[in-house]
Amino acid sequence: MSAIAWTAAVSLAAWLWLLLCQGFFWRTDVRLPVRREPDGWPSVGVVVPARDEAEVLPASLPSLLAQDYPGRAEIFLVDDGSTDGTGELARELSRRHGGLPLTVSSPGEPPAGWTGKLWAVRHGIGLARARDPEYLLLTDADIAHAPDSLRGLVAAARAGGFDVVSQMARLRVESTWERLVVPAFVYFFAQLYPFRRIGKRGSRTAAAAGGCVLLRADAAERARIPDAIRHAVIDDVALARAVKGAGGHIWLGLAERVDSVRPYPRLHDLWRMVSRSAYAQLRHSLLLLTGTVAGLALVYLVPPVALVAGLVAGDAMVAVLGGAAWLLMTGTYVPMLRYYRQPLWLAPLLPFTAFLYLLMTVDSAVQHYRGRGAAWKGRTYARPDTVPEEG
């Protein structure tokens, strides 16, 4: 066998392993458990960190205000240094729509060692705890909830005995680049953190989706949330790990009626979304970066290259191995495209999208070593090796 045939064979073997041994990550049927309403409804504090969110608040905040929840619930929107009138707009939306009580507050600039979002979350949790809620709903300012969203989250947490119930909001998919990149983003996330493993007791896999996290207040205290993860850029995964590490039981699945209203119309917008945290996901390790680039190339780029090379060279074995690996890749991507209601002809284009993610990951590392750290909402976070530890 030639070197390219061996490489194509390894790629096919990798896809067989991913298909059968990686927690069936490609399936999209991990949804909120069937709701069994509890005898009594616990109180909930809803914490919404918001920085320059005036564009999306009119489409998201009214959905929180209109929650049909039988128990006591209150919203705490933390205006994290906005310059676009986010706080005043939130008050106006509350006056106009009514519904759940809304408190708007500002935490001031975060101290050294804190990311801005987590500093805002800490402030919001502090406000909520004054009401002594049993649960905290941490939700981003761009997330729109169906009227029964909070009921479903609480009922699932009660029925399953979960300390964290998180739903990955359905992201917007309207522009051409969103169609190419967004479903793949969720597909890759599920490949890294198979949802079935997250909910299993004893499993080490832990993750959450930061846009929609229902968290037991006492579990947050045990895990020292958010103080224990104060400098995390990927705060949702860090939160899940902290809660699970403190003995908590967590669950993550795909949402059916929780949607992100934030648009990413250009490739540049999606590039920033991914590259701001990609190298942080690799723990700022050049070794992990090298392995990730090589892995993405082997798993996603080798199959189409081998198929084309085999056909051109008349090497049937290389063409068959590459084609079989590409077919498996395409088949595992189909359920995610169906979940996002996208045409299935996008499935064979996954190698192209994976190549974009490879470039985004490399760019994330380049920005890190240029000293820019992770940037979001006009704020750049320091590199981890420059952040002072707090006692």
Protein backbone atom coordinates (compact mmCIF):
# COMPACT_ATOMS: atom_id res chain seq x y z
CA MET A 1 0.00 0.00 0.00
CA SER A 2 1.16 3.52 -0.80
CA ALA A 3 1.55 6.23 1.84
CA ILE A 4 -1.63 7.97 0.70
CA ALA A 5 -3.51 4.67 0.89
CA TRP A 6 -2.33 4.13 4.46
CA THR A 7 -3.32 7.69 5.36
CA ALA A 8 -6.76 7.23 3.82
CA ALA A 9 -7.15 3.93 5.71
CA VAL A 10 -6.29 5.62 9.01
CA SER A 11 -8.83 8.36 8.23
CA LEU A 12 -11.51 5.76 7.53
CA ALA A 13 -10.66 3.93 10.77
CA ALA A 14 -10.95 7.23 12.63
CA TRP A 15 -14.42 7.77 11.19
CA LEU A 16 -15.53 4.25 12.12
CA TRP A 17 -14.36 4.91 15.67
CA LEU A 18 -16.14 8.29 15.80
CA LEU A 19 -19.32 6.72 14.42
CA LEU A 20 -19.49 3.93 16.98
CA CYS A 21 -17.39 4.91 19.99
CA GLN A 22 -17.71 8.65 20.56
CA GLY A 23 -20.99 8.66 22.43
CA PHE A 24 -23.09 8.68 19.24
CA PHE A 25 -22.28 12.40 19.11
CA TRP A 26 -23.85 12.72 15.67
CA ARG A 27 -27.36 11.97 16.89
CA THR A 28 -29.58 14.94 17.67
CA ASP A 29 -32.21 13.27 19.85
CA VAL A 30 -30.81 14.39 23.22
CA ARG A 31 -33.57 16.84 24.06
CA LEU A 32 -35.12 18.14 27.27
CA PRO A 33 -36.62 15.17 29.14
CA VAL A 34 -40.39 14.73 29.10
CA ARG A 35 -41.79 17.19 31.60
CA ARG A 36 -43.34 15.94 34.82
CA GLU A 37 -44.47 19.00 36.69
CA PRO A 38 -43.37 19.09 40.34
CA ASP A 39 -45.77 19.39 43.26
CA GLY A 40 -44.41 22.85 44.05
CA TRP A 41 -42.53 25.33 41.88
CA PRO A 42 -39.25 26.63 43.35
CA SER A 43 -38.20 30.27 43.11
CA VAL A 44 -35.82 31.25 40.30
CA GLY A 45 -33.47 34.18 39.81
CA VAL A 46 -32.82 34.88 36.11
CA VAL A 47 -29.39 36.46 35.53
CA VAL A 48 -28.74 38.17 32.17
CA PRO A 49 -25.26 39.66 31.58
CA ALA A 50 -25.50 42.27 28.83
CA ARG A 51 -22.87 44.43 27.15
CA ASP A 52 -23.92 46.59 24.19
CA GLU A 53 -26.97 44.44 23.43
CA ALA A 54 -29.46 47.11 22.33
CA GLU A 55 -29.67 45.52 18.88
CA VAL A 56 -30.92 42.13 20.14
CA LEU A 57 -32.76 42.96 23.39
CA PRO A 58 -36.10 43.84 21.70
CA ALA A 59 -36.19 40.29 20.29
CA SER A 60 -35.01 38.48 23.42
CA LEU A 61 -35.90 40.26 26.67
CA PRO A 62 -39.69 40.30 26.10
CA SER A 63 -39.57 36.50 25.86
CA LEU A 64 -38.09 36.34 29.38
CA LEU A 65 -40.54 38.87 30.74
CA ALA A 66 -43.40 36.77 29.33
CA GLN A 67 -42.37 33.48 30.96
CA ASP A 68 -45.39 31.45 32.08
CA TYR A 69 -43.92 30.22 35.35
CA PRO A 70 -46.17 29.25 38.30
CA GLY A 71 -43.53 29.96 40.95
CA ARG A 72 -41.71 33.14 41.92
CA ALA A 73 -39.23 34.35 39.31
CA GLU A 74 -37.36 37.61 38.87
CA ILE A 75 -34.97 38.88 36.19
CA PHE A 76 -31.66 40.59 37.00
CA LEU A 77 -30.12 42.19 33.93
CA VAL A 78 -26.54 43.31 34.51
CA ASP A 79 -25.52 46.15 32.21
CA ASP A 80 -21.80 45.47 31.77
CA GLY A 81 -20.51 48.91 30.80
CA SER A 82 -22.67 49.31 27.71
CA THR A 83 -22.36 52.41 25.55
CA ASP A 84 -25.49 51.85 23.44
CA GLY A 85 -28.20 52.40 26.06
CA THR A 86 -28.70 48.71 26.87
CA GLY A 87 -29.77 49.34 30.46
CA GLU A 88 -32.34 52.03 29.68
CA LEU A 89 -33.72 50.00 26.78
CA ALA A 90 -34.20 47.03 29.13
CA ARG A 91 -36.17 49.22 31.56
CA GLU A 92 -38.30 50.56 28.71
CA LEU A 93 -39.04 47.04 27.45
CA SER A 94 -40.08 46.05 30.97
CA ARG A 95 -42.42 49.04 31.24
CA ARG A 96 -43.89 48.29 27.84
CA HIS A 97 -44.35 44.52 28.14
CA GLY A 98 -44.79 43.96 31.87
CA GLY A 99 -44.45 40.37 33.02
CA LEU A 100 -41.75 39.16 35.42
CA PRO A 101 -40.11 41.78 37.66
CA LEU A 102 -36.91 43.22 36.20
CA THR A 103 -33.96 44.76 38.02
CA VAL A 104 -31.25 46.49 35.96
CA SER A 105 -27.88 47.07 37.61
CA SER A 106 -24.24 47.66 36.71
CA PRO A 107 -21.19 46.02 38.30
CA GLY A 108 -18.54 48.51 37.24
CA GLU A 109 -15.31 47.46 35.53
CA PRO A 110 -14.08 43.95 36.35
CA PRO A 111 -10.96 43.68 38.55
CA ALA A 112 -7.82 41.93 37.34
CA GLY A 113 -8.31 38.21 36.95
CA TRP A 114 -11.97 38.39 35.92
CA THR A 115 -13.51 38.19 32.47
CA GLY A 116 -16.17 40.85 32.06
CA LYS A 117 -19.04 38.44 31.52
CA LEU A 118 -18.28 36.42 34.65
CA TRP A 119 -17.89 39.60 36.70
CA ALA A 120 -21.35 40.62 35.49
CA VAL A 121 -22.70 37.15 36.31
CA ARG A 122 -21.21 37.38 39.80
CA HIS A 123 -22.96 40.71 40.32
CA GLY A 124 -26.25 39.31 39.05
CA ILE A 125 -26.02 36.21 41.22
CA GLY A 126 -25.38 38.45 44.22
CA LEU A 127 -28.57 40.40 43.48
CA ALA A 128 -30.54 37.21 42.96
CA ARG A 129 -29.31 35.58 46.17
CA ALA A 130 -30.80 38.43 48.17
CA ARG A 131 -34.16 36.87 47.18
CA ASP A 132 -32.93 33.40 48.23
CA PRO A 133 -33.88 31.53 45.01
CA GLU A 134 -33.54 27.76 44.77
CA TYR A 135 -32.44 27.97 41.14
CA LEU A 136 -30.53 30.42 38.97
CA LEU A 137 -31.16 30.69 35.25
CA LEU A 138 -28.07 32.10 33.52
CA THR A 139 -29.04 33.20 30.03
CA ASP A 140 -27.37 35.47 27.49
CA ALA A 141 -28.94 38.68 26.25
CA ASP A 142 -29.35 37.33 22.72
CA ILE A 143 -31.40 34.28 23.76
CA ALA A 144 -35.15 34.17 23.13
CA HIS A 145 -37.18 31.70 25.19
CA ALA A 146 -40.55 30.15 24.44
CA PRO A 147 -43.17 31.07 27.09
CA ASP A 148 -42.85 27.68 28.82
CA SER A 149 -39.04 27.49 28.67
CA LEU A 150 -38.44 28.12 32.36
CA ARG A 151 -41.17 25.64 33.34
CA GLY A 152 -39.55 22.96 31.21
CA LEU A 153 -36.07 23.57 32.59
CA VAL A 154 -37.21 23.47 36.21
CA ALA A 155 -39.43 20.42 35.68
CA ALA A 156 -36.54 18.56 34.02
CA ALA A 157 -34.13 19.50 36.81
CA ARG A 158 -36.60 18.32 39.45
CA ALA A 159 -37.49 15.08 37.70
CA GLY A 160 -33.91 14.11 36.90
CA GLY A 161 -32.27 15.37 40.07
CA PHE A 162 -29.95 17.57 38.02
CA ASP A 163 -27.88 20.40 39.47
CA VAL A 164 -27.40 21.86 35.98
CA VAL A 165 -29.83 21.64 33.08
CA SER A 166 -28.48 23.39 29.99
CA GLN A 167 -29.83 23.69 26.48
CA MET A 168 -27.79 24.61 23.43
CA ALA A 169 -29.89 27.33 21.87
CA ARG A 170 -30.66 27.00 18.19
CA LEU A 171 -28.39 29.57 16.54
CA ARG A 172 -29.55 31.75 13.69
CA VAL A 173 -29.05 30.20 10.24
CA GLU A 174 -30.09 32.61 7.49
CA SER A 175 -27.07 33.96 5.61
CA THR A 176 -24.90 31.78 3.35
CA TRP A 177 -22.03 31.77 5.81
CA GLU A 178 -24.32 30.94 8.71
CA ARG A 179 -25.61 27.94 6.77
CA LEU A 180 -22.08 26.72 6.16
CA VAL A 181 -20.57 27.38 9.58
CA VAL A 182 -23.24 27.34 12.32
CA PRO A 183 -24.53 23.74 12.11
CA ALA A 184 -20.92 22.58 11.92
CA PHE A 185 -20.11 24.58 15.05
CA VAL A 186 -22.69 22.60 17.05
CA TYR A 187 -21.63 19.35 15.33
CA PHE A 188 -17.98 19.88 16.35
CA PHE A 189 -19.01 20.84 19.89
CA ALA A 190 -21.02 17.62 20.24
CA GLN A 191 -18.06 15.67 18.88
CA LEU A 192 -15.85 17.10 21.63
CA TYR A 193 -18.51 16.80 24.34
CA PRO A 194 -20.97 14.00 23.47
CA PHE A 195 -24.25 14.96 25.10
CA ARG A 196 -25.07 11.39 26.15
CA ARG A 197 -21.90 11.18 28.23
CA ILE A 198 -22.45 14.52 29.94
CA GLY A 199 -25.65 13.36 31.64
CA LYS A 200 -24.23 10.06 32.89
CA ARG A 201 -23.22 9.83 36.52
CA GLY A 202 -19.58 8.85 36.79
CA SER A 203 -18.71 10.20 33.36
CA ARG A 204 -15.87 12.73 33.26
CA THR A 205 -17.32 14.57 30.27
CA ALA A 206 -18.68 17.95 31.34
CA ALA A 207 -20.02 20.86 29.30
CA ALA A 208 -22.86 23.35 29.22
CA ALA A 209 -24.17 25.92 26.75
CA GLY A 210 -23.77 29.37 28.25
CA GLY A 211 -26.86 30.82 26.63
CA CYS A 212 -29.23 28.72 28.73
CA VAL A 213 -28.06 27.23 32.04
CA LEU A 214 -30.40 26.40 34.91
CA LEU A 215 -28.26 25.96 38.03
CA ARG A 216 -29.22 24.96 41.55
CA ALA A 217 -28.17 27.79 43.87
CA ASP A 218 -26.68 25.45 46.47
CA ALA A 219 -24.69 23.63 43.76
CA ALA A 220 -23.32 27.00 42.66
CA GLU A 221 -22.18 27.69 46.21
CA ARG A 222 -20.51 24.27 46.55
CA ALA A 223 -18.66 24.76 43.27
CA ARG A 224 -17.84 28.44 44.07
CA ILE A 225 -19.53 29.69 40.90
CA PRO A 226 -18.48 32.03 39.42
CA ASP A 227 -15.40 32.83 41.54
CA ALA A 228 -13.72 29.50 40.82
CA ILE A 229 -13.87 30.15 37.05
CA ARG A 230 -13.39 33.93 37.12
CA HIS A 231 -10.77 34.06 34.34
CA ALA A 232 -12.39 31.45 32.06
CA VAL A 233 -13.04 32.60 28.50
CA ILE A 234 -15.08 29.45 27.76
CA ASP A 235 -17.17 29.99 30.86
CA ASP A 236 -19.95 27.49 30.12
CA VAL A 237 -17.64 24.47 29.92
CA ALA A 238 -15.71 25.71 32.96
CA LEU A 239 -18.96 26.07 34.93
CA ALA A 240 -20.04 22.52 34.07
CA ARG A 241 -16.65 21.10 35.05
CA ALA A 242 -16.70 22.95 38.36
CA VAL A 243 -20.20 21.74 39.25
CA LYS A 244 -19.47 18.17 38.20
CA GLY A 245 -16.15 18.27 40.04
CA ALA A 246 -18.03 19.26 43.20
CA GLY A 247 -20.26 16.18 42.89
CA GLY A 248 -23.08 17.74 40.87
CA HIS A 249 -25.24 15.99 38.28
CA ILE A 250 -25.46 17.86 34.97
CA TRP A 251 -27.37 17.57 31.70
CA LEU A 252 -26.93 19.19 28.28
CA GLY A 253 -29.03 18.79 25.17
CA LEU A 254 -30.24 20.53 22.06
CA ALA A 255 -33.00 23.10 22.41
CA GLU A 256 -36.29 23.03 20.59
CA ARG A 257 -37.76 26.34 21.74
CA VAL A 258 -34.74 28.35 22.86
CA ASP A 259 -33.17 30.40 20.07
CA SER A 260 -30.32 32.82 19.62
CA VAL A 261 -31.38 35.98 17.79
CA ARG A 262 -27.83 37.27 17.24
CA PRO A 263 -26.99 37.55 13.53
CA TYR A 264 -23.64 36.47 12.07
CA PRO A 265 -24.18 37.53 8.45
CA ARG A 266 -20.51 37.69 7.38
CA LEU A 267 -17.68 35.20 7.56
CA HIS A 268 -15.77 37.80 9.58
CA ASP A 269 -18.45 37.73 12.31
CA LEU A 270 -18.36 33.94 12.56
CA TRP A 271 -14.57 33.94 12.42
CA ARG A 272 -14.41 36.20 15.46
CA MET A 273 -16.94 34.05 17.33
CA VAL A 274 -14.81 30.94 16.89
CA SER A 275 -11.28 32.34 17.02
CA ARG A 276 -11.80 34.32 20.23
CA SER A 277 -11.91 31.10 22.27
CA ALA A 278 -10.48 28.32 20.07
CA TYR A 279 -6.94 28.48 21.47
CA ALA A 280 -8.29 28.78 25.01
CA GLN A 281 -10.10 25.49 24.36
CA LEU A 282 -6.65 24.00 23.69
CA ARG A 283 -5.35 25.39 27.00
CA HIS A 284 -2.95 27.66 25.06
CA SER A 285 -0.76 24.65 24.27
CA LEU A 286 1.31 24.55 21.09
CA LEU A 287 1.43 20.77 21.39
CA LEU A 288 -2.38 20.52 21.49
CA LEU A 289 -2.63 23.04 18.64
CA THR A 290 -0.31 20.92 16.49
CA GLY A 291 -2.26 17.78 17.31
CA THR A 292 -5.58 19.50 16.59
CA VAL A 293 -4.43 20.80 13.19
CA ALA A 294 -3.07 17.36 12.28
CA GLY A 295 -6.25 15.69 13.52
CA LEU A 296 -8.55 18.01 11.57
CA ALA A 297 -6.50 17.44 8.43
CA LEU A 298 -6.49 13.65 8.85
CA VAL A 299 -10.17 13.30 9.70
CA TYR A 300 -11.78 15.96 7.50
CA LEU A 301 -9.38 16.86 4.68
CA VAL A 302 -7.79 13.53 3.79
CA PRO A 303 -11.02 11.79 2.63
CA PRO A 304 -11.89 14.15 -0.26
CA VAL A 305 -8.22 14.56 -1.20
CA ALA A 306 -7.76 10.76 -1.26
CA LEU A 307 -10.91 10.26 -3.34
CA VAL A 308 -9.84 12.82 -5.94
CA ALA A 309 -6.21 11.62 -5.96
CA GLY A 310 -7.29 8.01 -6.34
CA LEU A 311 -9.59 8.81 -9.24
CA VAL A 312 -6.95 10.91 -10.99
CA ALA A 313 -4.19 8.32 -10.47
CA GLY A 314 -6.41 5.36 -11.22
CA ASP A 315 -5.76 3.92 -7.75
CA ALA A 316 -9.04 2.22 -6.86
CA MET A 317 -8.01 1.39 -3.28
CA VAL A 318 -7.19 5.02 -2.43
CA ALA A 319 -10.39 6.23 -4.07
CA VAL A 320 -12.54 3.68 -2.22
CA LEU A 321 -10.92 4.38 1.16
CA GLY A 322 -11.25 8.15 0.73
CA GLY A 323 -14.78 7.90 -0.61
CA ALA A 324 -15.91 5.62 2.24
CA ALA A 325 -14.49 8.00 4.86
CA TRP A 326 -16.13 10.99 3.16
CA LEU A 327 -19.43 9.10 3.00
CA LEU A 328 -19.30 8.35 6.73
CA MET A 329 -18.47 11.98 7.48
CA THR A 330 -21.36 13.17 5.33
CA GLY A 331 -23.79 10.72 6.91
CA THR A 332 -22.95 11.78 10.46
CA TYR A 333 -23.52 15.43 9.54
CA VAL A 334 -27.00 14.88 8.08
CA PRO A 335 -28.87 14.76 11.44
CA MET A 336 -27.46 18.16 12.45
CA LEU A 337 -28.49 19.69 9.12
CA ARG A 338 -31.98 18.29 9.61
CA TYR A 339 -32.11 19.75 13.12
CA TYR A 340 -31.25 23.14 11.62
CA ARG A 341 -33.69 22.59 8.75
CA GLN A 342 -30.96 23.02 6.15
CA PRO A 343 -30.65 21.37 2.71
CA LEU A 344 -28.80 18.06 2.83
CA TRP A 345 -26.54 18.98 -0.10
CA LEU A 346 -24.54 20.98 2.46
CA ALA A 347 -23.38 17.74 4.11
CA PRO A 348 -20.60 16.90 1.59
CA LEU A 349 -19.21 20.43 2.08
CA LEU A 350 -18.20 19.64 5.69
CA PRO A 351 -14.48 19.26 4.74
CA PHE A 352 -14.50 22.86 3.46
CA THR A 353 -16.08 24.09 6.69
CA ALA A 354 -13.60 22.04 8.73
CA PHE A 355 -10.77 23.73 6.82
CA LEU A 356 -12.21 27.11 7.81
CA TYR A 357 -12.27 25.98 11.45
CA LEU A 358 -8.67 24.86 11.16
CA LEU A 359 -7.69 28.35 9.96
CA MET A 360 -9.76 29.98 12.72
CA THR A 361 -7.99 27.87 15.34
CA VAL A 362 -4.56 28.79 14.01
CA ASP A 363 -5.59 32.45 13.89
CA SER A 364 -6.73 32.21 17.53
CA ALA A 365 -3.24 31.06 18.49
CA VAL A 366 -1.60 33.81 16.41
CA GLN A 367 -3.70 36.47 18.15
CA HIS A 368 -2.79 34.98 21.52
CA TYR A 369 0.96 35.17 20.87
CA ARG A 370 0.61 38.69 19.57
CA GLY A 371 -0.46 39.53 23.11
CA ARG A 372 -4.05 40.38 22.22
CA GLY A 373 -5.68 37.65 24.30
CA ALA A 374 -9.35 36.87 23.76
CA ALA A 375 -11.40 39.82 22.58
CA TRP A 376 -15.17 40.24 22.88
CA LYS A 377 -17.55 43.18 22.87
CA GLY A 378 -14.71 45.70 22.64
CA ARG A 379 -12.88 44.24 25.66
CA THR A 380 -9.63 42.29 25.40
CA TYR A 381 -8.83 39.79 28.13
CA ALA A 382 -5.29 39.32 29.34
CA ARG A 383 -3.32 36.21 28.48
CA PRO A 384 -3.58 33.61 31.28
CA ASP A 385 0.13 33.85 32.08
CA THR A 386 -0.27 37.58 32.79
CA VAL A 387 -3.29 37.30 35.11
CA PRO A 388 -2.48 37.60 38.82
CA GLU A 389 -3.93 34.95 41.09
CA GLU A 390 -6.30 35.99 43.83
CA GLY A 391 -6.40 34.45 47.25
